[in-house]
Amino acid sequence: MLSNEETQAIINLMRREVVPAIGCTEPIAVALCVAKARELLGYLPEKIDLRLSANILKNAMGVGIPGTGMIGLPIAVALGALIGKSEYQLEVIKDSDPDAVARGKRFIEENRIHISLEEEDDDKLYVQACCKGGGHEAEAIIKQHHTHFVFLRRDDEVVLDRRHAGVSVEAVEEDLPLTLRKVYDFAVSTDLEKIRFILEAKRLNEKAAADGLRENYGHQLGKTLCSPLGKGIMGESIFSKILSVTSCACDARMAGAMIPVMSNSGSGNQGICTTMPVVVFAEENHNTEEELIRALTLSNLTAIYIKQSLGSLSALCGCVVASTGSSTGITYLMGGNYEQVSFAVKNMIANLTGMICDGAKPSCALKLTTGVGTAVMSAMLAIQHKYVTSAEGIIEDDVDRSIHNLTAIGSTGMDVTDRYVLNIMTHKGKTPQDNN
């Protein structure tokens, strides 16, 4: 049984990691950092210098910025400077309108923004914004998590410096000694009213899916799956509906729809992926509201647990983590117990480990759909006590060791892959040998 202290710490952790976000969280984190520096400066910046980690750059190059019809960092930076409010966190540019976008385009044309790669700090999530204007300058730095400020400065006055600080309260909660067993026990036994807040993820992400079905976003994967062609090939099964609804939400988000989604561990796509497959299955399977709440909690907390050792950004596609979460939630909704939930996790790790992240972009919907399809298949096997054993590949008898094998590959083993992917992305048109 979990202690009251552990239960409350996990609730705090979930409330911090499951939050609304507008747009892809990497360019939005940059906009947030710029907005904070602008607020410290007190003037509209004449110049903005940015130093970003490679993973931030990778995830911001090809993704749509909400409400702009544009992709990439410059417009996100400009809007962060012009209308961004740091108090909005990952919804920092939600006040944007056509006038702000027009001003942002002029800001870009005036060559006020300079972006460079940060090579000295080894954190995969690093954003440094320095705004200059009115004879003053202000600096803000975000590290480790998309909204975690570690340094704030205006001229020579340092307002905040946590770059070399000890472990914070938040870090203690994030480093809770979670296991899949604790995650499961929390999800199935915690007082329902204490975790009911997770239904807000259902509300927000369902609206995003509806928007993705209504408009023509991205590659329109969700709409294609719902079309006569899609239904003719895939049928009108629970499986096809799970895929189409999840894809619709991702199509809208990656193309830059001005709609909030509920994120997970700093990623909107991960929030969509931990939520929508579980929501659709529960509706089609006629589960109760309590079962849905507990399944969503299990799905989201499983993803948070895995991300603790993987890190906020890595070479491993986040859909691997998020769809593993949704597989546990679906297994639970099928009537699965802890053992069967652990079987689903092993099946997922055996199948999807190694899927690369090559940046945030409209085609992320394809990867999410692959992950979600695998999640359903893994749950179907698990509920029948069919699972990948320790005689195969990286799976071990202990499910938590299997999880850490996955995250070790994604966080350390694929570091060279990560650099190679970014090199290819920034040198299109050359052969891989030329990129070395």
Protein backbone atom coordinates (compact mmCIF):
# COMPACT_ATOMS: atom_id res chain seq x y z
CA MET A 1 0.00 0.00 0.00
CA LEU A 2 1.15 3.52 -0.73
CA SER A 3 1.55 5.89 2.19
CA ASN A 4 -0.44 9.11 2.33
CA GLU A 5 2.79 11.02 1.65
CA GLU A 6 3.56 8.94 -1.44
CA THR A 7 0.01 9.30 -2.72
CA GLN A 8 0.10 13.08 -2.36
CA ALA A 9 3.54 13.29 -3.97
CA ILE A 10 2.31 11.31 -6.98
CA ILE A 11 -0.76 13.56 -7.28
CA ASN A 12 1.54 16.61 -7.23
CA LEU A 13 3.74 14.99 -9.85
CA MET A 14 0.79 14.26 -12.14
CA ARG A 15 -0.63 17.77 -11.76
CA ARG A 16 2.72 19.20 -12.80
CA GLU A 17 3.32 16.84 -15.73
CA VAL A 18 -0.23 16.73 -17.13
CA VAL A 19 -0.93 20.34 -18.12
CA PRO A 20 -2.54 22.21 -21.05
CA ALA A 21 -0.27 23.27 -23.93
CA ILE A 22 -0.85 25.14 -27.18
CA GLY A 23 1.43 24.08 -30.01
CA CYS A 24 4.51 21.89 -30.04
CA THR A 25 6.20 22.26 -26.65
CA GLU A 26 9.75 22.85 -27.94
CA PRO A 27 9.10 26.07 -29.92
CA ILE A 28 6.60 27.04 -27.22
CA ALA A 29 9.27 26.61 -24.54
CA VAL A 30 11.48 28.94 -26.60
CA ALA A 31 8.63 31.46 -26.84
CA LEU A 32 8.14 31.16 -23.07
CA CYS A 33 11.82 31.85 -22.41
CA VAL A 34 11.75 34.87 -24.73
CA ALA A 35 8.58 36.18 -23.09
CA LYS A 36 10.20 35.94 -19.66
CA ALA A 37 13.35 37.74 -20.83
CA ARG A 38 11.21 40.43 -22.49
CA GLU A 39 9.26 40.93 -19.27
CA LEU A 40 12.52 41.32 -17.33
CA LEU A 41 13.80 43.79 -19.92
CA GLY A 42 10.66 45.91 -19.80
CA TYR A 43 10.94 46.93 -23.46
CA LEU A 44 10.21 45.46 -26.85
CA PRO A 45 13.58 43.89 -27.72
CA GLU A 46 15.66 45.41 -30.47
CA LYS A 47 17.58 42.16 -30.72
CA ILE A 48 17.08 38.60 -29.44
CA ASP A 49 19.95 36.13 -29.17
CA LEU A 50 19.06 32.48 -28.61
CA ARG A 51 21.24 29.50 -27.77
CA LEU A 52 19.39 26.19 -28.01
CA SER A 53 20.23 22.53 -27.46
CA ALA A 54 20.26 20.28 -30.50
CA ASN A 55 17.09 18.50 -29.42
CA ILE A 56 15.18 21.77 -29.10
CA LEU A 57 16.30 22.74 -32.59
CA LYS A 58 15.37 19.34 -33.97
CA ASN A 59 11.85 19.49 -32.58
CA ALA A 60 11.20 23.05 -33.68
CA MET A 61 12.34 23.02 -37.31
CA GLY A 62 9.31 21.61 -39.11
CA VAL A 63 6.33 22.03 -36.82
CA GLY A 64 3.42 24.43 -37.27
CA ILE A 65 3.15 27.36 -34.87
CA PRO A 66 -0.46 27.81 -33.68
CA GLY A 67 -2.53 30.47 -35.40
CA THR A 68 0.23 31.61 -37.76
CA GLY A 69 0.15 29.38 -40.82
CA MET A 70 3.94 29.23 -40.44
CA ILE A 71 6.44 26.65 -39.28
CA GLY A 72 9.65 26.88 -37.28
CA LEU A 73 11.21 28.95 -34.54
CA PRO A 74 11.35 32.55 -35.84
CA ILE A 75 7.61 33.25 -35.61
CA ALA A 76 7.41 31.53 -32.21
CA VAL A 77 10.25 33.74 -30.97
CA ALA A 78 8.67 36.89 -32.41
CA LEU A 79 5.29 36.16 -30.83
CA GLY A 80 6.95 35.36 -27.51
CA ALA A 81 8.54 38.82 -27.61
CA LEU A 82 5.47 40.67 -28.85
CA ILE A 83 2.50 39.17 -27.02
CA GLY A 84 3.81 36.29 -24.91
CA LYS A 85 2.92 36.10 -21.22
CA SER A 86 5.14 33.84 -19.12
CA GLU A 87 2.31 33.32 -16.60
CA TYR A 88 0.53 31.29 -19.28
CA GLN A 89 3.36 28.71 -19.23
CA LEU A 90 2.92 26.32 -22.20
CA GLU A 91 0.01 28.43 -23.46
CA VAL A 92 2.34 31.46 -23.63
CA ILE A 93 1.14 32.69 -27.05
CA LYS A 94 -2.57 32.03 -26.63
CA ASP A 95 -3.32 35.77 -27.00
CA SER A 96 -1.98 35.76 -30.56
CA ASP A 97 -4.23 37.15 -33.31
CA PRO A 98 -3.75 38.08 -37.00
CA ASP A 99 -2.38 41.50 -36.05
CA ALA A 100 0.23 39.93 -33.78
CA VAL A 101 1.22 37.49 -36.53
CA ALA A 102 1.64 40.39 -39.01
CA ARG A 103 3.81 42.25 -36.47
CA GLY A 104 5.75 39.04 -35.90
CA LYS A 105 6.49 38.70 -39.60
CA ARG A 106 7.84 42.27 -39.66
CA PHE A 107 9.92 41.50 -36.57
CA ILE A 108 11.50 38.58 -38.42
CA GLU A 109 12.08 40.62 -41.59
CA GLU A 110 13.97 43.21 -39.54
CA ASN A 111 16.54 40.52 -38.68
CA ARG A 112 16.18 40.99 -34.94
CA ILE A 113 16.46 37.27 -34.14
CA HIS A 114 19.69 35.28 -34.02
CA ILE A 115 19.64 31.55 -33.23
CA SER A 116 22.68 29.38 -32.52
CA LEU A 117 23.42 25.90 -31.20
CA GLU A 118 24.41 25.53 -27.54
CA GLU A 119 27.34 23.12 -27.45
CA GLU A 120 28.78 23.68 -23.98
CA ASP A 121 25.78 22.64 -21.87
CA ASP A 122 25.05 18.94 -22.27
CA ASP A 123 21.39 19.09 -21.19
CA LYS A 124 19.16 17.94 -24.04
CA LEU A 125 16.55 20.53 -23.11
CA TYR A 126 18.28 23.90 -22.97
CA VAL A 127 16.94 27.33 -23.98
CA GLN A 128 18.83 30.58 -23.40
CA ALA A 129 17.21 33.84 -24.48
CA CYS A 130 18.92 37.23 -24.26
CA CYS A 131 16.79 40.26 -25.12
CA LYS A 132 18.42 43.64 -25.74
CA GLY A 133 16.77 47.05 -25.98
CA GLY A 134 16.68 50.53 -24.48
CA GLY A 135 20.32 50.25 -23.49
CA HIS A 136 19.59 47.23 -21.29
CA GLU A 137 19.60 43.47 -21.65
CA ALA A 138 17.81 40.61 -19.93
CA GLU A 139 18.54 36.90 -19.97
CA ALA A 140 16.46 33.83 -19.16
CA ILE A 141 17.46 30.16 -19.23
CA ILE A 142 15.21 27.08 -19.22
CA LYS A 143 16.71 23.65 -18.55
CA GLN A 144 15.64 20.04 -18.00
CA HIS A 145 11.90 20.70 -18.30
CA HIS A 146 9.95 22.91 -20.67
CA THR A 147 8.88 25.45 -18.03
CA HIS A 148 11.77 25.13 -15.57
CA PHE A 149 13.64 28.45 -15.33
CA VAL A 150 17.11 28.13 -13.83
CA PHE A 151 18.52 31.62 -14.49
CA LEU A 152 17.06 35.12 -14.76
CA ARG A 153 19.07 38.33 -15.13
CA ARG A 154 18.50 42.00 -15.98
CA ASP A 155 21.77 43.77 -16.75
CA ASP A 156 24.05 42.94 -13.78
CA GLU A 157 21.21 42.05 -11.42
CA VAL A 158 20.73 38.29 -11.09
CA VAL A 159 17.11 37.62 -10.15
CA LEU A 160 17.36 33.81 -10.08
CA ASP A 161 20.25 31.37 -10.35
CA ARG A 162 19.52 27.66 -9.94
CA ARG A 163 22.04 26.46 -12.50
CA HIS A 164 24.14 24.79 -9.83
CA ALA A 165 21.53 24.49 -7.09
CA GLY A 166 20.82 21.39 -5.06
CA VAL A 167 17.83 19.16 -5.51
CA SER A 168 14.53 21.06 -5.48
CA VAL A 169 11.21 19.93 -4.05
CA GLU A 170 10.00 19.38 -7.60
CA ALA A 171 13.03 17.23 -8.39
CA VAL A 172 12.41 15.12 -5.30
CA GLU A 173 8.85 14.48 -6.44
CA GLU A 174 9.97 13.77 -9.99
CA ASP A 175 12.57 11.32 -8.68
CA LEU A 176 10.05 9.39 -6.59
CA PRO A 177 11.13 5.74 -6.53
CA LEU A 178 8.25 4.73 -8.76
CA THR A 179 7.78 1.20 -10.01
CA LEU A 180 5.10 -0.13 -12.32
CA ARG A 181 3.54 -1.79 -9.28
CA LYS A 182 3.29 1.55 -7.46
CA VAL A 183 1.88 3.19 -10.57
CA TYR A 184 -0.77 0.47 -10.85
CA ASP A 185 -1.64 0.53 -7.15
CA PHE A 186 -2.00 4.31 -7.20
CA ALA A 187 -4.25 4.22 -10.26
CA VAL A 188 -6.61 1.53 -8.99
CA SER A 189 -6.81 2.43 -5.28
CA THR A 190 -6.50 6.22 -4.89
CA ASP A 191 -9.66 8.03 -3.81
CA LEU A 192 -11.50 8.78 -7.05
CA GLU A 193 -12.09 12.45 -6.28
CA LYS A 194 -8.34 13.02 -5.93
CA ILE A 195 -7.67 11.89 -9.50
CA ARG A 196 -10.86 13.09 -11.21
CA PHE A 197 -8.89 16.03 -12.61
CA ILE A 198 -7.54 13.65 -15.27
CA LEU A 199 -10.90 13.95 -17.08
CA GLU A 200 -9.78 17.41 -18.21
CA ALA A 201 -7.32 15.59 -20.49
CA LYS A 202 -10.29 13.81 -22.08
CA ARG A 203 -12.16 17.08 -22.60
CA LEU A 204 -9.27 19.00 -24.18
CA ASN A 205 -7.94 16.21 -26.36
CA GLU A 206 -11.40 15.24 -27.62
CA LYS A 207 -11.87 18.84 -28.79
CA ALA A 208 -8.52 18.68 -30.60
CA ALA A 209 -9.57 15.45 -32.30
CA ALA A 210 -12.89 17.00 -33.38
CA ASP A 211 -11.00 19.98 -34.83
CA GLY A 212 -8.66 17.64 -36.70
CA LEU A 213 -11.64 15.86 -38.25
CA ARG A 214 -13.40 19.11 -39.18
CA GLU A 215 -10.44 20.81 -40.91
CA ASN A 216 -7.72 19.69 -43.32
CA TYR A 217 -4.63 19.61 -41.13
CA GLY A 218 -1.24 18.14 -41.91
CA HIS A 219 -1.32 14.87 -43.80
CA GLN A 220 -4.97 14.37 -42.81
CA LEU A 221 -4.26 10.86 -41.57
CA GLY A 222 -7.18 10.91 -39.16
CA LYS A 223 -9.62 12.09 -41.82
CA THR A 224 -8.28 9.52 -44.28
CA LEU A 225 -8.91 6.72 -41.79
CA CYS A 226 -12.49 8.02 -41.40
CA SER A 227 -13.08 8.35 -45.15
CA PRO A 228 -14.83 5.75 -47.33
CA LEU A 229 -11.37 4.61 -48.44
CA GLY A 230 -10.20 4.22 -44.86
CA LYS A 231 -13.38 2.47 -43.72
CA GLY A 232 -13.28 0.22 -46.77
CA ILE A 233 -9.81 -0.98 -45.84
CA MET A 234 -9.85 -0.73 -42.04
CA GLY A 235 -13.56 -1.29 -41.39
CA GLU A 236 -15.49 0.48 -38.62
CA SER A 237 -14.01 -1.38 -35.68
CA ILE A 238 -12.97 -0.16 -32.24
CA PHE A 239 -9.40 -0.46 -33.49
CA SER A 240 -9.93 1.79 -36.52
CA LYS A 241 -11.77 4.40 -34.42
CA ILE A 242 -8.92 4.49 -31.88
CA LEU A 243 -6.44 5.10 -34.69
CA SER A 244 -8.50 7.75 -36.46
CA VAL A 245 -9.44 9.78 -33.39
CA THR A 246 -5.86 9.81 -32.07
CA SER A 247 -4.53 10.77 -35.50
CA CYS A 248 -7.04 13.61 -35.90
CA ALA A 249 -5.85 15.25 -32.69
CA CYS A 250 -2.21 14.92 -33.71
CA ASP A 251 -2.91 16.21 -37.25
CA ALA A 252 -4.42 19.38 -35.79
CA ARG A 253 -1.72 19.96 -33.20
CA MET A 254 1.28 19.41 -35.48
CA ALA A 255 -0.13 21.62 -38.22
CA GLY A 256 -0.44 24.56 -35.84
CA ALA A 257 -4.11 24.65 -34.82
CA MET A 258 -4.74 27.29 -32.14
CA ILE A 259 -6.19 24.76 -29.71
CA PRO A 260 -4.92 23.57 -26.33
CA VAL A 261 -4.24 19.90 -25.72
CA MET A 262 -3.46 18.20 -22.44
CA SER A 263 0.22 17.35 -22.51
CA ASN A 264 2.15 14.66 -20.67
CA SER A 265 5.76 15.11 -19.53
CA GLY A 266 6.13 18.25 -21.62
CA SER A 267 4.70 16.81 -24.84
CA GLY A 268 1.28 17.42 -26.35
CA ASN A 269 1.57 14.40 -28.62
CA GLN A 270 2.35 12.24 -25.63
CA GLY A 271 -0.69 13.66 -23.89
CA ILE A 272 -2.86 12.85 -26.90
CA CYS A 273 -1.40 9.36 -27.12
CA THR A 274 -1.89 8.55 -23.42
CA THR A 275 -5.45 9.84 -23.51
CA MET A 276 -7.39 9.29 -26.73
CA PRO A 277 -6.89 5.52 -27.23
CA VAL A 278 -8.05 4.96 -23.64
CA VAL A 279 -11.04 7.30 -24.02
CA VAL A 280 -12.22 5.72 -27.27
CA PHE A 281 -11.83 2.16 -25.98
CA ALA A 282 -13.72 2.99 -22.78
CA GLU A 283 -16.60 4.48 -24.77
CA GLU A 284 -16.79 1.57 -27.20
CA ASN A 285 -16.39 -1.00 -24.42
CA HIS A 286 -19.02 0.72 -22.21
CA ASN A 287 -16.70 1.09 -19.24
CA THR A 288 -17.84 3.16 -16.27
CA GLU A 289 -16.60 6.66 -15.55
CA GLU A 290 -14.59 5.35 -12.61
CA GLU A 291 -12.91 2.76 -14.81
CA LEU A 292 -12.08 5.48 -17.35
CA ILE A 293 -10.60 7.77 -14.70
CA ARG A 294 -8.44 4.97 -13.32
CA ALA A 295 -7.36 3.84 -16.79
CA LEU A 296 -6.39 7.40 -17.78
CA THR A 297 -4.46 7.75 -14.53
CA LEU A 298 -2.66 4.46 -15.16
CA SER A 299 -1.83 5.45 -18.74
CA ASN A 300 -0.57 8.94 -17.93
CA LEU A 301 1.38 7.92 -14.84
CA THR A 302 3.03 5.01 -16.65
CA ALA A 303 4.30 7.46 -19.27
CA ILE A 304 5.54 9.85 -16.58
CA TYR A 305 7.32 6.98 -14.83
CA ILE A 306 9.10 5.90 -18.00
CA LYS A 307 10.07 9.49 -18.85
CA GLN A 308 11.73 9.88 -15.44
CA SER A 309 14.67 7.76 -16.57
CA LEU A 310 14.44 8.59 -20.28
CA GLY A 311 14.51 12.38 -19.91
CA SER A 312 12.33 15.10 -21.40
CA LEU A 313 13.97 14.86 -24.83
CA SER A 314 15.86 12.01 -26.43
CA ALA A 315 16.52 10.20 -29.69
CA LEU A 316 13.65 7.84 -28.89
CA CYS A 317 10.25 8.91 -30.23
CA GLY A 318 7.93 9.91 -27.40
CA CYS A 319 5.12 7.84 -28.90
CA VAL A 320 6.96 4.73 -27.70
CA VAL A 321 6.54 5.90 -24.10
CA ALA A 322 3.05 7.34 -24.48
CA SER A 323 1.60 4.37 -26.36
CA THR A 324 3.05 2.07 -23.70
CA GLY A 325 1.00 4.09 -21.24
CA SER A 326 -2.14 3.75 -23.34
CA SER A 327 -1.58 0.01 -23.64
CA THR A 328 -1.65 -0.32 -19.84
CA GLY A 329 -4.86 1.74 -19.69
CA ILE A 330 -6.55 -0.36 -22.38
CA THR A 331 -5.44 -3.59 -20.69
CA TYR A 332 -7.02 -2.35 -17.45
CA LEU A 333 -10.26 -1.49 -19.27
CA MET A 334 -10.30 -5.02 -20.70
CA GLY A 335 -10.37 -6.27 -17.11
CA GLY A 336 -6.65 -6.82 -16.78
CA ASN A 337 -4.83 -7.07 -13.44
CA TYR A 338 -1.31 -5.93 -12.57
CA GLU A 339 0.29 -9.03 -14.08
CA GLN A 340 -1.48 -8.50 -17.39
CA VAL A 341 -0.61 -4.79 -17.37
CA SER A 342 3.07 -5.75 -16.95
CA PHE A 343 2.70 -8.18 -19.87
CA ALA A 344 1.41 -5.32 -22.05
CA VAL A 345 4.44 -3.19 -21.14
CA LYS A 346 6.84 -6.00 -22.06
CA ASN A 347 5.06 -6.51 -25.38
CA MET A 348 5.39 -2.81 -26.15
CA ILE A 349 9.09 -2.64 -25.30
CA ALA A 350 9.80 -5.73 -27.39
CA ASN A 351 8.10 -4.15 -30.40
CA LEU A 352 8.70 -0.38 -30.55
CA THR A 353 12.12 0.16 -28.95
CA GLY A 354 14.39 2.07 -31.31
CA MET A 355 11.83 4.24 -33.13
CA ILE A 356 13.73 7.46 -33.77
CA CYS A 357 12.61 11.02 -33.12
CA ASP A 358 13.43 13.14 -36.17
CA GLY A 359 11.75 16.27 -34.91
CA ALA A 360 8.21 17.50 -34.38
CA LYS A 361 6.23 17.78 -37.62
CA PRO A 362 2.92 16.81 -39.25
CA SER A 363 4.12 13.27 -39.95
CA CYS A 364 4.28 12.62 -36.21
CA ALA A 365 0.66 11.50 -36.67
CA LEU A 366 1.99 8.48 -38.57
CA LYS A 367 4.24 7.50 -35.69
CA LEU A 368 1.52 8.02 -33.11
CA THR A 369 -0.77 5.76 -35.09
CA THR A 370 1.92 3.09 -35.28
CA GLY A 371 2.40 3.31 -31.53
CA VAL A 372 -1.31 3.21 -30.77
CA GLY A 373 -1.87 0.26 -33.09
CA THR A 374 0.87 -1.60 -31.26
CA ALA A 375 -0.69 -0.60 -27.92
CA VAL A 376 -3.99 -2.25 -28.81
CA MET A 377 -2.27 -5.37 -30.11
CA SER A 378 -0.08 -5.62 -27.00
CA ALA A 379 -3.12 -5.30 -24.73
CA MET A 380 -4.99 -8.00 -26.69
CA LEU A 381 -2.09 -10.40 -26.16
CA ALA A 382 -1.57 -9.42 -22.53
CA ILE A 383 -5.19 -10.01 -21.53
CA GLN A 384 -4.74 -13.58 -22.81
CA HIS A 385 -1.52 -13.97 -20.78
CA LYS A 386 0.58 -13.89 -23.95
CA TYR A 387 3.76 -11.84 -23.67
CA VAL A 388 7.39 -11.57 -24.73
CA THR A 389 9.62 -13.42 -22.27
CA SER A 390 13.14 -12.85 -20.92
CA ALA A 391 14.45 -15.36 -23.45
CA GLU A 392 13.88 -12.72 -26.11
CA GLY A 393 15.90 -9.58 -26.81
CA ILE A 394 16.01 -6.83 -24.18
CA ILE A 395 13.05 -8.11 -22.12
CA GLU A 396 13.73 -9.31 -18.57
CA ASP A 397 11.56 -11.16 -16.07
CA ASP A 398 11.31 -7.97 -14.02
CA VAL A 399 9.13 -5.45 -15.87
CA ASP A 400 10.88 -2.45 -14.29
CA ARG A 401 14.26 -3.71 -15.49
CA SER A 402 12.73 -4.07 -18.96
CA ILE A 403 11.57 -0.44 -18.75
CA HIS A 404 15.05 0.72 -17.74
CA ASN A 405 16.57 -1.24 -20.61
CA LEU A 406 14.30 0.72 -22.92
CA THR A 407 15.21 4.07 -21.40
CA ALA A 408 18.94 3.29 -21.30
CA ILE A 409 18.83 2.62 -25.04
CA GLY A 410 16.82 5.78 -25.68
CA SER A 411 18.76 8.15 -23.41
CA THR A 412 22.34 6.89 -23.84
CA GLY A 413 22.54 4.16 -26.45
CA MET A 414 20.97 6.33 -29.16
CA ASP A 415 23.02 9.48 -28.53
CA VAL A 416 25.02 8.97 -31.71
CA THR A 417 21.76 8.35 -33.59
CA ASP A 418 20.42 11.64 -32.23
CA ARG A 419 23.40 13.61 -33.53
CA TYR A 420 23.27 11.83 -36.86
CA VAL A 421 19.55 12.56 -37.29
CA LEU A 422 20.05 16.29 -36.59
CA ASN A 423 23.00 16.36 -38.99
CA ILE A 424 20.87 14.88 -41.76
CA MET A 425 18.01 17.29 -41.01
CA THR A 426 20.31 20.32 -41.22
CA HIS A 427 22.14 19.14 -44.36
CA LYS A 428 19.32 18.07 -46.66
CA GLY A 429 20.44 17.34 -50.19
CA LYS A 430 23.78 15.83 -49.23
CA THR A 431 24.57 12.15 -48.91
CA PRO A 432 24.94 10.78 -45.37
CA GLN A 433 28.68 10.43 -45.96
CA ASP A 434 28.91 14.15 -46.78
CA ASN A 435 27.23 15.00 -43.46
CA ASN A 436 29.98 13.47 -41.34
